[in-house]
Amino acid sequence: QVQLVESGGGLVQAGGSLRLSCAASGLTFKPNRMGWFRQAPGKEREFVARITWSGGITFYADFVKGRFTISKDNAKNTVFLQMNNLKPEDTAVYHCAVRRTLTTDYESWGQGTQVTVTA
């Protein structure tokens, strides 16, 4: 069973940076991609970024383009999210998830890591 553990969240002032990590264990297959999502209080979970496992092709939500960078270390089964120029509206619990194939949904959601950005 795949387990994902996120870390790296915290409290930061607007304009600051954080680097999130998502460590995967129990991977018995090569994922198609891994993604980062976030959920702010009272809001729906939303997509942030994703990266394909083999080619490292990235895709971002418009609201993080130019500020966030997703990367991975296949040898360590870890995905990162470098977040720069953080804004108060980035405050949320950030989760990672794995997608087995293009025809399956994201699964094995981690417990999340809290990111709080103060003005």
PDB file of N, CA and C in Angstrom:
ATOM      1  N   GLN A   1       0.843  -1.183   0.000  1.00  0.00           N
ATOM      2  CA  GLN A   1       0.000   0.000   0.000  1.00  0.00           C
ATOM      3  C   GLN A   1       0.884   1.241   0.000  1.00  0.00           C
ATOM      4  N   VAL A   2       0.560   2.148  -0.887  1.00  0.00           N
ATOM      5  CA  VAL A   2       1.354   3.367  -1.003  1.00  0.00           C
ATOM      6  C   VAL A   2       1.037   4.308   0.153  1.00  0.00           C
ATOM      7  N   GLN A   3       2.064   4.841   0.746  1.00  0.00           N
ATOM      8  CA  GLN A   3       1.893   5.852   1.794  1.00  0.00           C
ATOM      9  C   GLN A   3       2.691   7.091   1.399  1.00  0.00           C
ATOM     10  N   LEU A   4       2.064   8.236   1.551  1.00  0.00           N
ATOM     11  CA  LEU A   4       2.698   9.509   1.227  1.00  0.00           C
ATOM     12  C   LEU A   4       2.766  10.355   2.486  1.00  0.00           C
ATOM     13  N   VAL A   5       3.922  10.917   2.745  1.00  0.00           N
ATOM     14  CA  VAL A   5       4.103  11.743   3.941  1.00  0.00           C
ATOM     15  C   VAL A   5       4.653  13.097   3.514  1.00  0.00           C
ATOM     16  N   GLU A   6       3.850  14.125   3.764  1.00  0.00           N
ATOM     17  CA  GLU A   6       4.262  15.485   3.430  1.00  0.00           C
ATOM     18  C   GLU A   6       4.952  16.141   4.627  1.00  0.00           C
ATOM     19  N   SER A   7       5.858  17.040   4.329  1.00  0.00           N
ATOM     20  CA  SER A   7       6.544  17.797   5.375  1.00  0.00           C
ATOM     21  C   SER A   7       7.028  19.112   4.797  1.00  0.00           C
ATOM     22  N   GLY A   8       7.459  20.006   5.675  1.00  0.00           N
ATOM     23  CA  GLY A   8       8.044  21.262   5.226  1.00  0.00           C
ATOM     24  C   GLY A   8       7.163  22.478   5.368  1.00  0.00           C
ATOM     25  N   GLY A   9       5.925  22.271   5.792  1.00  0.00           N
ATOM     26  CA  GLY A   9       5.048  23.417   5.966  1.00  0.00           C
ATOM     27  C   GLY A   9       5.467  24.254   7.164  1.00  0.00           C
ATOM     28  N   GLY A  10       4.798  25.389   7.321  1.00  0.00           N
ATOM     29  CA  GLY A  10       5.116  26.251   8.444  1.00  0.00           C
ATOM     30  C   GLY A  10       4.467  27.603   8.320  1.00  0.00           C
ATOM     31  N   LEU A  11       4.937  28.509   9.157  1.00  0.00           N
ATOM     32  CA  LEU A  11       4.427  29.881   9.200  1.00  0.00           C
ATOM     33  C   LEU A  11       5.467  30.796   8.568  1.00  0.00           C
ATOM     34  N   VAL A  12       5.046  31.590   7.607  1.00  0.00           N
ATOM     35  CA  VAL A  12       5.988  32.458   6.905  1.00  0.00           C
ATOM     36  C   VAL A  12       5.292  33.772   6.558  1.00  0.00           C
ATOM     37  N   GLN A  13       6.060  34.821   6.461  1.00  0.00           N
ATOM     38  CA  GLN A  13       5.498  36.110   6.061  1.00  0.00           C
ATOM     39  C   GLN A  13       5.339  36.174   4.549  1.00  0.00           C
ATOM     40  N   ALA A  14       4.438  37.023   4.125  1.00  0.00           N
ATOM     41  CA  ALA A  14       4.247  37.224   2.694  1.00  0.00           C
ATOM     42  C   ALA A  14       5.574  37.597   2.039  1.00  0.00           C
ATOM     43  N   GLY A  15       5.814  36.994   0.877  1.00  0.00           N
ATOM     44  CA  GLY A  15       7.072  37.199   0.178  1.00  0.00           C
ATOM     45  C   GLY A  15       8.117  36.161   0.515  1.00  0.00           C
ATOM     46  N   GLY A  16       7.856  35.373   1.526  1.00  0.00           N
ATOM     47  CA  GLY A  16       8.797  34.351   1.947  1.00  0.00           C
ATOM     48  C   GLY A  16       8.702  33.078   1.123  1.00  0.00           C
ATOM     49  N   SER A  17       9.500  32.085   1.519  1.00  0.00           N
ATOM     50  CA  SER A  17       9.580  30.825   0.783  1.00  0.00           C
ATOM     51  C   SER A  17       9.478  29.628   1.720  1.00  0.00           C
ATOM     52  N   LEU A  18       8.995  28.546   1.177  1.00  0.00           N
ATOM     53  CA  LEU A  18       8.978  27.253   1.857  1.00  0.00           C
ATOM     54  C   LEU A  18       9.231  26.173   0.820  1.00  0.00           C
ATOM     55  N   ARG A  19       9.775  25.068   1.278  1.00  0.00           N
ATOM     56  CA  ARG A  19       9.973  23.919   0.405  1.00  0.00           C
ATOM     57  C   ARG A  19       9.287  22.712   1.028  1.00  0.00           C
ATOM     58  N   LEU A  20       8.270  22.212   0.342  1.00  0.00           N
ATOM     59  CA  LEU A  20       7.540  21.053   0.804  1.00  0.00           C
ATOM     60  C   LEU A  20       8.137  19.786   0.216  1.00  0.00           C
ATOM     61  N   SER A  21       8.052  18.711   0.979  1.00  0.00           N
ATOM     62  CA  SER A  21       8.497  17.406   0.509  1.00  0.00           C
ATOM     63  C   SER A  21       7.368  16.405   0.645  1.00  0.00           C
ATOM     64  N   CYS A  22       7.355  15.439  -0.242  1.00  0.00           N
ATOM     65  CA  CYS A  22       6.371  14.353  -0.204  1.00  0.00           C
ATOM     66  C   CYS A  22       7.140  13.064  -0.432  1.00  0.00           C
ATOM     67  N   ALA A  23       7.280  12.290   0.621  1.00  0.00           N
ATOM     68  CA  ALA A  23       8.016  11.031   0.533  1.00  0.00           C
ATOM     69  C   ALA A  23       7.038   9.876   0.367  1.00  0.00           C
ATOM     70  N   ALA A  24       7.265   9.070  -0.651  1.00  0.00           N
ATOM     71  CA  ALA A  24       6.403   7.933  -0.947  1.00  0.00           C
ATOM     72  C   ALA A  24       7.073   6.632  -0.540  1.00  0.00           C
ATOM     73  N   SER A  25       6.291   5.785   0.099  1.00  0.00           N
ATOM     74  CA  SER A  25       6.771   4.442   0.432  1.00  0.00           C
ATOM     75  C   SER A  25       5.755   3.424  -0.043  1.00  0.00           C
ATOM     76  N   GLY A  26       6.186   2.182  -0.202  1.00  0.00           N
ATOM     77  CA  GLY A  26       5.280   1.144  -0.649  1.00  0.00           C
ATOM     78  C   GLY A  26       4.956   1.216  -2.124  1.00  0.00           C
ATOM     79  N   LEU A  27       5.784   1.928  -2.880  1.00  0.00           N
ATOM     80  CA  LEU A  27       5.533   2.020  -4.321  1.00  0.00           C
ATOM     81  C   LEU A  27       5.967   0.729  -5.000  1.00  0.00           C
ATOM     82  N   THR A  28       4.997  -0.047  -5.447  1.00  0.00           N
ATOM     83  CA  THR A  28       5.281  -1.286  -6.154  1.00  0.00           C
ATOM     84  C   THR A  28       5.078  -1.111  -7.650  1.00  0.00           C
ATOM     85  N   PHE A  29       4.803   0.107  -8.056  1.00  0.00           N
ATOM     86  CA  PHE A  29       4.603   0.414  -9.462  1.00  0.00           C
ATOM     87  C   PHE A  29       5.253   1.757  -9.734  1.00  0.00           C
ATOM     88  N   LYS A  30       5.486   2.034 -11.021  1.00  0.00           N
ATOM     89  CA  LYS A  30       6.012   3.341 -11.384  1.00  0.00           C
ATOM     90  C   LYS A  30       4.822   4.247 -11.685  1.00  0.00           C
ATOM     91  N   PRO A  31       4.633   5.312 -10.901  1.00  0.00           N
ATOM     92  CA  PRO A  31       3.479   6.175 -11.119  1.00  0.00           C
ATOM     93  C   PRO A  31       3.547   6.877 -12.462  1.00  0.00           C
ATOM     94  N   ASN A  32       2.413   7.238 -12.981  1.00  0.00           N
ATOM     95  CA  ASN A  32       2.389   8.099 -14.159  1.00  0.00           C
ATOM     96  C   ASN A  32       2.803   9.513 -13.769  1.00  0.00           C
ATOM     97  N   ARG A  33       2.289   9.980 -12.618  1.00  0.00           N
ATOM     98  CA  ARG A  33       2.590  11.320 -12.168  1.00  0.00           C
ATOM     99  C   ARG A  33       2.284  11.457 -10.689  1.00  0.00           C
ATOM    100  N   MET A  34       2.820  12.507 -10.120  1.00  0.00           N
ATOM    101  CA  MET A  34       2.471  12.869  -8.750  1.00  0.00           C
ATOM    102  C   MET A  34       2.100  14.337  -8.732  1.00  0.00           C
ATOM    103  N   GLY A  35       1.186  14.653  -7.829  1.00  0.00           N
ATOM    104  CA  GLY A  35       0.680  16.011  -7.805  1.00  0.00           C
ATOM    105  C   GLY A  35       0.602  16.599  -6.416  1.00  0.00           C
ATOM    106  N   TRP A  36       0.587  17.915  -6.389  1.00  0.00           N
ATOM    107  CA  TRP A  36       0.338  18.661  -5.163  1.00  0.00           C
ATOM    108  C   TRP A  36      -1.019  19.347  -5.271  1.00  0.00           C
ATOM    109  N   PHE A  37      -1.750  19.312  -4.191  1.00  0.00           N
ATOM    110  CA  PHE A  37      -3.045  19.946  -4.089  1.00  0.00           C
ATOM    111  C   PHE A  37      -3.071  20.731  -2.790  1.00  0.00           C
ATOM    112  N   ARG A  38      -4.056  21.607  -2.663  1.00  0.00           N
ATOM    113  CA  ARG A  38      -4.183  22.327  -1.394  1.00  0.00           C
ATOM    114  C   ARG A  38      -5.651  22.552  -1.073  1.00  0.00           C
ATOM    115  N   GLN A  39      -5.915  22.710   0.211  1.00  0.00           N
ATOM    116  CA  GLN A  39      -7.272  22.979   0.652  1.00  0.00           C
ATOM    117  C   GLN A  39      -7.238  24.009   1.758  1.00  0.00           C
ATOM    118  N   ALA A  40      -7.853  25.136   1.488  1.00  0.00           N
ATOM    119  CA  ALA A  40      -7.968  26.200   2.484  1.00  0.00           C
ATOM    120  C   ALA A  40      -9.263  26.003   3.269  1.00  0.00           C
ATOM    121  N   PRO A  41      -9.339  26.537   4.463  1.00  0.00           N
ATOM    122  CA  PRO A  41     -10.544  26.377   5.284  1.00  0.00           C
ATOM    123  C   PRO A  41     -11.792  26.849   4.554  1.00  0.00           C
ATOM    124  N   GLY A  42     -12.799  25.998   4.536  1.00  0.00           N
ATOM    125  CA  GLY A  42     -14.061  26.357   3.918  1.00  0.00           C
ATOM    126  C   GLY A  42     -14.063  26.319   2.405  1.00  0.00           C
ATOM    127  N   LYS A  43     -12.973  25.848   1.817  1.00  0.00           N
ATOM    128  CA  LYS A  43     -12.889  25.809   0.357  1.00  0.00           C
ATOM    129  C   LYS A  43     -12.670  24.387  -0.133  1.00  0.00           C
ATOM    130  N   GLU A  44     -12.938  24.199  -1.411  1.00  0.00           N
ATOM    131  CA  GLU A  44     -12.703  22.903  -2.035  1.00  0.00           C
ATOM    132  C   GLU A  44     -11.201  22.690  -2.233  1.00  0.00           C
ATOM    133  N   ARG A  45     -10.820  21.430  -2.276  1.00  0.00           N
ATOM    134  CA  ARG A  45      -9.435  21.113  -2.597  1.00  0.00           C
ATOM    135  C   ARG A  45      -9.160  21.531  -4.036  1.00  0.00           C
ATOM    136  N   GLU A  46      -7.970  22.104  -4.273  1.00  0.00           N
ATOM    137  CA  GLU A  46      -7.652  22.543  -5.623  1.00  0.00           C
ATOM    138  C   GLU A  46      -6.264  22.054  -6.031  1.00  0.00           C
ATOM    139  N   PHE A  47      -6.127  21.865  -7.325  1.00  0.00           N
ATOM    140  CA  PHE A  47      -4.872  21.413  -7.917  1.00  0.00           C
ATOM    141  C   PHE A  47      -3.844  22.534  -7.863  1.00  0.00           C
ATOM    142  N   VAL A  48      -2.603  22.163  -7.567  1.00  0.00           N
ATOM    143  CA  VAL A  48      -1.519  23.142  -7.528  1.00  0.00           C
ATOM    144  C   VAL A  48      -0.495  22.870  -8.631  1.00  0.00           C
ATOM    145  N   ALA A  49       0.021  21.651  -8.666  1.00  0.00           N
ATOM    146  CA  ALA A  49       1.068  21.324  -9.639  1.00  0.00           C
ATOM    147  C   ALA A  49       1.188  19.818  -9.749  1.00  0.00           C
ATOM    148  N   ARG A  50       1.764  19.366 -10.872  1.00  0.00           N
ATOM    149  CA  ARG A  50       2.038  17.951 -11.018  1.00  0.00           C
ATOM    150  C   ARG A  50       3.281  17.751 -11.856  1.00  0.00           C
ATOM    151  N   ILE A  51       3.850  16.552 -11.719  1.00  0.00           N
ATOM    152  CA  ILE A  51       5.045  16.208 -12.466  1.00  0.00           C
ATOM    153  C   ILE A  51       4.943  14.758 -12.899  1.00  0.00           C
ATOM    154  N   THR A  52       5.284  14.473 -14.141  1.00  0.00           N
ATOM    155  CA  THR A  52       5.267  13.095 -14.607  1.00  0.00           C
ATOM    156  C   THR A  52       6.491  12.377 -14.049  1.00  0.00           C
ATOM    157  N   TRP A  53       6.308  11.118 -13.747  1.00  0.00           N
ATOM    158  CA  TRP A  53       7.372  10.386 -13.051  1.00  0.00           C
ATOM    159  C   TRP A  53       8.556  10.100 -13.958  1.00  0.00           C
ATOM    160  N   SER A  54       8.289   9.740 -15.201  1.00  0.00           N
ATOM    161  CA  SER A  54       9.370   9.371 -16.103  1.00  0.00           C
ATOM    162  C   SER A  54      10.030  10.576 -16.754  1.00  0.00           C
ATOM    163  N   GLY A  55       9.250  11.438 -17.355  1.00  0.00           N
ATOM    164  CA  GLY A  55       9.821  12.539 -18.124  1.00  0.00           C
ATOM    165  C   GLY A  55      10.037  13.817 -17.338  1.00  0.00           C
ATOM    166  N   GLY A  56       9.450  13.900 -16.147  1.00  0.00           N
ATOM    167  CA  GLY A  56       9.598  15.120 -15.366  1.00  0.00           C
ATOM    168  C   GLY A  56       8.895  16.314 -15.962  1.00  0.00           C
ATOM    169  N   ILE A  57       7.849  16.040 -16.738  1.00  0.00           N
ATOM    170  CA  ILE A  57       7.097  17.134 -17.336  1.00  0.00           C
ATOM    171  C   ILE A  57       6.179  17.740 -16.277  1.00  0.00           C
ATOM    172  N   THR A  58       6.221  19.056 -16.185  1.00  0.00           N
ATOM    173  CA  THR A  58       5.488  19.737 -15.129  1.00  0.00           C
ATOM    174  C   THR A  58       4.295  20.520 -15.673  1.00  0.00           C
ATOM    175  N   PHE A  59       3.365  20.753 -14.795  1.00  0.00           N
ATOM    176  CA  PHE A  59       2.182  21.559 -15.123  1.00  0.00           C
ATOM    177  C   PHE A  59       1.728  22.236 -13.845  1.00  0.00           C
ATOM    178  N   TYR A  60       1.320  23.518 -13.979  1.00  0.00           N
ATOM    179  CA  TYR A  60       0.976  24.304 -12.800  1.00  0.00           C
ATOM    180  C   TYR A  60      -0.388  24.962 -12.943  1.00  0.00           C
ATOM    181  N   ALA A  61      -1.017  25.175 -11.803  1.00  0.00           N
ATOM    182  CA  ALA A  61      -2.208  26.012 -11.786  1.00  0.00           C
ATOM    183  C   ALA A  61      -1.765  27.445 -12.072  1.00  0.00           C
ATOM    184  N   ASP A  62      -2.620  28.201 -12.716  1.00  0.00           N
ATOM    185  CA  ASP A  62      -2.263  29.568 -13.107  1.00  0.00           C
ATOM    186  C   ASP A  62      -1.838  30.409 -11.908  1.00  0.00           C
ATOM    187  N   PHE A  63      -2.466  30.187 -10.782  1.00  0.00           N
ATOM    188  CA  PHE A  63      -2.207  31.070  -9.638  1.00  0.00           C
ATOM    189  C   PHE A  63      -0.845  30.821  -8.979  1.00  0.00           C
ATOM    190  N   VAL A  64      -0.107  29.794  -9.403  1.00  0.00           N
ATOM    191  CA  VAL A  64       1.230  29.566  -8.845  1.00  0.00           C
ATOM    192  C   VAL A  64       2.347  29.661  -9.887  1.00  0.00           C
ATOM    193  N   LYS A  65       1.974  29.839 -11.133  1.00  0.00           N
ATOM    194  CA  LYS A  65       2.990  29.914 -12.185  1.00  0.00           C
ATOM    195  C   LYS A  65       3.973  31.041 -11.900  1.00  0.00           C
ATOM    196  N   GLY A  66       5.239  30.704 -12.029  1.00  0.00           N
ATOM    197  CA  GLY A  66       6.281  31.698 -11.790  1.00  0.00           C
ATOM    198  C   GLY A  66       6.684  31.817 -10.337  1.00  0.00           C
ATOM    199  N   ARG A  67       5.933  31.207  -9.447  1.00  0.00           N
ATOM    200  CA  ARG A  67       6.252  31.278  -8.009  1.00  0.00           C
ATOM    201  C   ARG A  67       6.603  29.910  -7.431  1.00  0.00           C
ATOM    202  N   PHE A  68       5.919  28.865  -7.867  1.00  0.00           N
ATOM    203  CA  PHE A  68       6.135  27.522  -7.338  1.00  0.00           C
ATOM    204  C   PHE A  68       6.854  26.662  -8.375  1.00  0.00           C
ATOM    205  N   THR A  69       7.676  25.750  -7.891  1.00  0.00           N
ATOM    206  CA  THR A  69       8.361  24.804  -8.765  1.00  0.00           C
ATOM    207  C   THR A  69       8.250  23.409  -8.170  1.00  0.00           C
ATOM    208  N   ILE A  70       7.741  22.480  -8.981  1.00  0.00           N
ATOM    209  CA  ILE A  70       7.651  21.087  -8.558  1.00  0.00           C
ATOM    210  C   ILE A  70       8.834  20.328  -9.139  1.00  0.00           C
ATOM    211  N   SER A  71       9.405  19.439  -8.337  1.00  0.00           N
ATOM    212  CA  SER A  71      10.534  18.631  -8.793  1.00  0.00           C
ATOM    213  C   SER A  71      10.467  17.280  -8.093  1.00  0.00           C
ATOM    214  N   LYS A  72      11.369  16.375  -8.482  1.00  0.00           N
ATOM    215  CA  LYS A  72      11.315  15.039  -7.896  1.00  0.00           C
ATOM    216  C   LYS A  72      12.698  14.438  -7.811  1.00  0.00           C
ATOM    217  N   ASP A  73      12.811  13.453  -6.944  1.00  0.00           N
ATOM    218  CA  ASP A  73      14.011  12.641  -6.826  1.00  0.00           C
ATOM    219  C   ASP A  73      13.540  11.201  -6.898  1.00  0.00           C
ATOM    220  N   ASN A  74      13.630  10.621  -8.096  1.00  0.00           N
ATOM    221  CA  ASN A  74      13.100   9.264  -8.290  1.00  0.00           C
ATOM    222  C   ASN A  74      13.790   8.256  -7.387  1.00  0.00           C
ATOM    223  N   ALA A  75      15.067   8.426  -7.165  1.00  0.00           N
ATOM    224  CA  ALA A  75      15.820   7.470  -6.349  1.00  0.00           C
ATOM    225  C   ALA A  75      15.306   7.431  -4.917  1.00  0.00           C
ATOM    226  N   LYS A  76      14.791   8.576  -4.464  1.00  0.00           N
ATOM    227  CA  LYS A  76      14.279   8.661  -3.092  1.00  0.00           C
ATOM    228  C   LYS A  76      12.766   8.628  -3.051  1.00  0.00           C
ATOM    229  N   ASN A  77      12.128   8.448  -4.207  1.00  0.00           N
ATOM    230  CA  ASN A  77      10.654   8.434  -4.278  1.00  0.00           C
ATOM    231  C   ASN A  77      10.068   9.654  -3.561  1.00  0.00           C
ATOM    232  N   THR A  78      10.625  10.793  -3.854  1.00  0.00           N
ATOM    233  CA  THR A  78      10.221  12.027  -3.185  1.00  0.00           C
ATOM    234  C   THR A  78       9.930  13.114  -4.207  1.00  0.00           C
ATOM    235  N   VAL A  79       8.877  13.852  -3.949  1.00  0.00           N
ATOM    236  CA  VAL A  79       8.503  14.985  -4.781  1.00  0.00           C
ATOM    237  C   VAL A  79       8.567  16.241  -3.921  1.00  0.00           C
ATOM    238  N   PHE A  80       9.007  17.326  -4.519  1.00  0.00           N
ATOM    239  CA  PHE A  80       9.182  18.572  -3.797  1.00  0.00           C
ATOM    240  C   PHE A  80       8.297  19.666  -4.403  1.00  0.00           C
ATOM    241  N   LEU A  81       7.993  20.655  -3.579  1.00  0.00           N
ATOM    242  CA  LEU A  81       7.309  21.846  -4.067  1.00  0.00           C
ATOM    243  C   LEU A  81       8.005  23.051  -3.458  1.00  0.00           C
ATOM    244  N   GLN A  82       8.793  23.725  -4.279  1.00  0.00           N
ATOM    245  CA  GLN A  82       9.446  24.948  -3.850  1.00  0.00           C
ATOM    246  C   GLN A  82       8.481  26.096  -4.054  1.00  0.00           C
ATOM    247  N   MET A  83       8.180  26.799  -2.985  1.00  0.00           N
ATOM    248  CA  MET A  83       7.198  27.875  -3.034  1.00  0.00           C
ATOM    249  C   MET A  83       7.888  29.190  -2.689  1.00  0.00           C
ATOM    250  N   ASN A  84       7.920  30.088  -3.640  1.00  0.00           N
ATOM    251  CA  ASN A  84       8.540  31.396  -3.447  1.00  0.00           C
ATOM    252  C   ASN A  84       7.491  32.489  -3.543  1.00  0.00           C
ATOM    253  N   ASN A  85       7.844  33.659  -3.041  1.00  0.00           N
ATOM    254  CA  ASN A  85       6.943  34.807  -3.095  1.00  0.00           C
ATOM    255  C   ASN A  85       5.544  34.425  -2.609  1.00  0.00           C
ATOM    256  N   LEU A  86       5.498  33.812  -1.458  1.00  0.00           N
ATOM    257  CA  LEU A  86       4.223  33.342  -0.926  1.00  0.00           C
ATOM    258  C   LEU A  86       3.295  34.502  -0.592  1.00  0.00           C
ATOM    259  N   LYS A  87       2.014  34.248  -0.764  1.00  0.00           N
ATOM    260  CA  LYS A  87       0.975  35.239  -0.511  1.00  0.00           C
ATOM    261  C   LYS A  87       0.026  34.713   0.556  1.00  0.00           C
ATOM    262  N   PRO A  88      -0.649  35.590   1.266  1.00  0.00           N
ATOM    263  CA  PRO A  88      -1.604  35.112   2.282  1.00  0.00           C
ATOM    264  C   PRO A  88      -2.643  34.142   1.710  1.00  0.00           C
ATOM    265  N   GLU A  89      -3.020  34.325   0.467  1.00  0.00           N
ATOM    266  CA  GLU A  89      -4.013  33.431  -0.144  1.00  0.00           C
ATOM    267  C   GLU A  89      -3.449  32.042  -0.435  1.00  0.00           C
ATOM    268  N   ASP A  90      -2.156  31.843  -0.240  1.00  0.00           N
ATOM    269  CA  ASP A  90      -1.574  30.513  -0.375  1.00  0.00           C
ATOM    270  C   ASP A  90      -1.755  29.688   0.898  1.00  0.00           C
ATOM    271  N   THR A  91      -2.275  30.300   1.935  1.00  0.00           N
ATOM    272  CA  THR A  91      -2.507  29.593   3.192  1.00  0.00           C
ATOM    273  C   THR A  91      -3.472  28.435   2.974  1.00  0.00           C
ATOM    274  N   ALA A  92      -3.051  27.237   3.346  1.00  0.00           N
ATOM    275  CA  ALA A  92      -3.855  26.035   3.122  1.00  0.00           C
ATOM    276  C   ALA A  92      -3.100  24.831   3.676  1.00  0.00           C
ATOM    277  N   VAL A  93      -3.790  23.704   3.706  1.00  0.00           N
ATOM    278  CA  VAL A  93      -3.123  22.424   3.943  1.00  0.00           C
ATOM    279  C   VAL A  93      -2.758  21.863   2.573  1.00  0.00           C
ATOM    280  N   TYR A  94      -1.499  21.546   2.404  1.00  0.00           N
ATOM    281  CA  TYR A  94      -0.995  21.046   1.128  1.00  0.00           C
ATOM    282  C   TYR A  94      -0.856  19.522   1.209  1.00  0.00           C
ATOM    283  N   HIS A  95      -1.419  18.858   0.209  1.00  0.00           N
ATOM    284  CA  HIS A  95      -1.392  17.401   0.130  1.00  0.00           C
ATOM    285  C   HIS A  95      -0.702  16.968  -1.160  1.00  0.00           C
ATOM    286  N   CYS A  96      -0.081  15.812  -1.116  1.00  0.00           N
ATOM    287  CA  CYS A  96       0.394  15.215  -2.349  1.00  0.00           C
ATOM    288  C   CYS A  96      -0.382  13.926  -2.599  1.00  0.00           C
ATOM    289  N   ALA A  97      -0.376  13.497  -3.839  1.00  0.00           N
ATOM    290  CA  ALA A  97      -1.081  12.280  -4.229  1.00  0.00           C
ATOM    291  C   ALA A  97      -0.392  11.688  -5.447  1.00  0.00           C
ATOM    292  N   VAL A  98      -0.650  10.424  -5.662  1.00  0.00           N
ATOM    293  CA  VAL A  98      -0.033   9.711  -6.771  1.00  0.00           C
ATOM    294  C   VAL A  98      -1.107   9.281  -7.766  1.00  0.00           C
ATOM    295  N   ARG A  99      -0.744   9.296  -9.021  1.00  0.00           N
ATOM    296  CA  ARG A  99      -1.667   8.863 -10.067  1.00  0.00           C
ATOM    297  C   ARG A  99      -0.997   7.723 -10.818  1.00  0.00           C
ATOM    298  N   ARG A 100      -1.640   6.565 -10.832  1.00  0.00           N
ATOM    299  CA  ARG A 100      -1.022   5.394 -11.436  1.00  0.00           C
ATOM    300  C   ARG A 100      -0.924   5.517 -12.951  1.00  0.00           C
ATOM    301  N   THR A 101      -2.046   5.863 -13.569  1.00  0.00           N
ATOM    302  CA  THR A 101      -2.086   5.955 -15.028  1.00  0.00           C
ATOM    303  C   THR A 101      -2.899   7.181 -15.412  1.00  0.00           C
ATOM    304  N   LEU A 102      -2.930   7.464 -16.700  1.00  0.00           N
ATOM    305  CA  LEU A 102      -3.704   8.609 -17.183  1.00  0.00           C
ATOM    306  C   LEU A 102      -5.204   8.403 -17.013  1.00  0.00           C
ATOM    307  N   THR A 103      -5.616   7.162 -16.868  1.00  0.00           N
ATOM    308  CA  THR A 103      -7.048   6.884 -16.774  1.00  0.00           C
ATOM    309  C   THR A 103      -7.515   6.652 -15.342  1.00  0.00           C
ATOM    310  N   THR A 104      -6.629   6.798 -14.383  1.00  0.00           N
ATOM    311  CA  THR A 104      -7.026   6.639 -12.986  1.00  0.00           C
ATOM    312  C   THR A 104      -6.926   7.975 -12.262  1.00  0.00           C
ATOM    313  N   ASP A 105      -7.660   8.068 -11.175  1.00  0.00           N
ATOM    314  CA  ASP A 105      -7.632   9.294 -10.383  1.00  0.00           C
ATOM    315  C   ASP A 105      -6.404   9.309  -9.474  1.00  0.00           C
ATOM    316  N   TYR A 106      -6.136  10.462  -8.925  1.00  0.00           N
ATOM    317  CA  TYR A 106      -5.111  10.551  -7.893  1.00  0.00           C
ATOM    318  C   TYR A 106      -5.556   9.735  -6.681  1.00  0.00           C
ATOM    319  N   GLU A 107      -4.589   9.127  -5.997  1.00  0.00           N
ATOM    320  CA  GLU A 107      -4.905   8.273  -4.875  1.00  0.00           C
ATOM    321  C   GLU A 107      -3.813   8.393  -3.817  1.00  0.00           C
ATOM    322  N   SER A 108      -4.048   7.676  -2.722  1.00  0.00           N
ATOM    323  CA  SER A 108      -3.073   7.583  -1.633  1.00  0.00           C
ATOM    324  C   SER A 108      -2.700   8.952  -1.093  1.00  0.00           C
ATOM    325  N   TRP A 109      -3.674   9.756  -0.801  1.00  0.00           N
ATOM    326  CA  TRP A 109      -3.438  11.112  -0.322  1.00  0.00           C
ATOM    327  C   TRP A 109      -2.688  11.095   1.008  1.00  0.00           C
ATOM    328  N   GLY A 110      -1.721  11.983   1.121  1.00  0.00           N
ATOM    329  CA  GLY A 110      -1.015  12.130   2.387  1.00  0.00           C
ATOM    330  C   GLY A 110      -1.858  12.904   3.383  1.00  0.00           C
ATOM    331  N   GLN A 111      -1.346  13.031   4.601  1.00  0.00           N
ATOM    332  CA  GLN A 111      -2.108  13.702   5.657  1.00  0.00           C
ATOM    333  C   GLN A 111      -2.051  15.217   5.510  1.00  0.00           C
ATOM    334  N   GLY A 112      -1.108  15.693   4.732  1.00  0.00           N
ATOM    335  CA  GLY A 112      -1.024  17.120   4.480  1.00  0.00           C
ATOM    336  C   GLY A 112      -0.058  17.838   5.405  1.00  0.00           C
ATOM    337  N   THR A 113       0.370  18.999   4.959  1.00  0.00           N
ATOM    338  CA  THR A 113       1.226  19.854   5.769  1.00  0.00           C
ATOM    339  C   THR A 113       0.686  21.275   5.694  1.00  0.00           C
ATOM    340  N   GLN A 114       0.586  21.920   6.839  1.00  0.00           N
ATOM    341  CA  GLN A 114      -0.033  23.243   6.919  1.00  0.00           C
ATOM    342  C   GLN A 114       0.946  24.325   6.494  1.00  0.00           C
ATOM    343  N   VAL A 115       0.483  25.175   5.596  1.00  0.00           N
ATOM    344  CA  VAL A 115       1.230  26.363   5.190  1.00  0.00           C
ATOM    345  C   VAL A 115       0.408  27.579   5.566  1.00  0.00           C
ATOM    346  N   THR A 116       0.998  28.457   6.359  1.00  0.00           N
ATOM    347  CA  THR A 116       0.312  29.678   6.777  1.00  0.00           C
ATOM    348  C   THR A 116       1.175  30.876   6.406  1.00  0.00           C
ATOM    349  N   VAL A 117       0.580  31.777   5.629  1.00  0.00           N
ATOM    350  CA  VAL A 117       1.303  32.962   5.166  1.00  0.00           C
ATOM    351  C   VAL A 117       0.639  34.196   5.758  1.00  0.00           C
ATOM    352  N   THR A 118       1.403  34.966   6.500  1.00  0.00           N
ATOM    353  CA  THR A 118       0.860  36.171   7.125  1.00  0.00           C
ATOM    354  C   THR A 118       1.195  37.400   6.284  1.00  0.00           C
ATOM    355  N   ALA A 119       0.318  38.372   6.385  1.00  0.00           N
ATOM    356  CA  ALA A 119       0.514  39.597   5.591  1.00  0.00           C
ATOM    357  C   ALA A 119       1.616  40.462   6.162  1.00  0.00           C
TER     358      ALA A 119
END
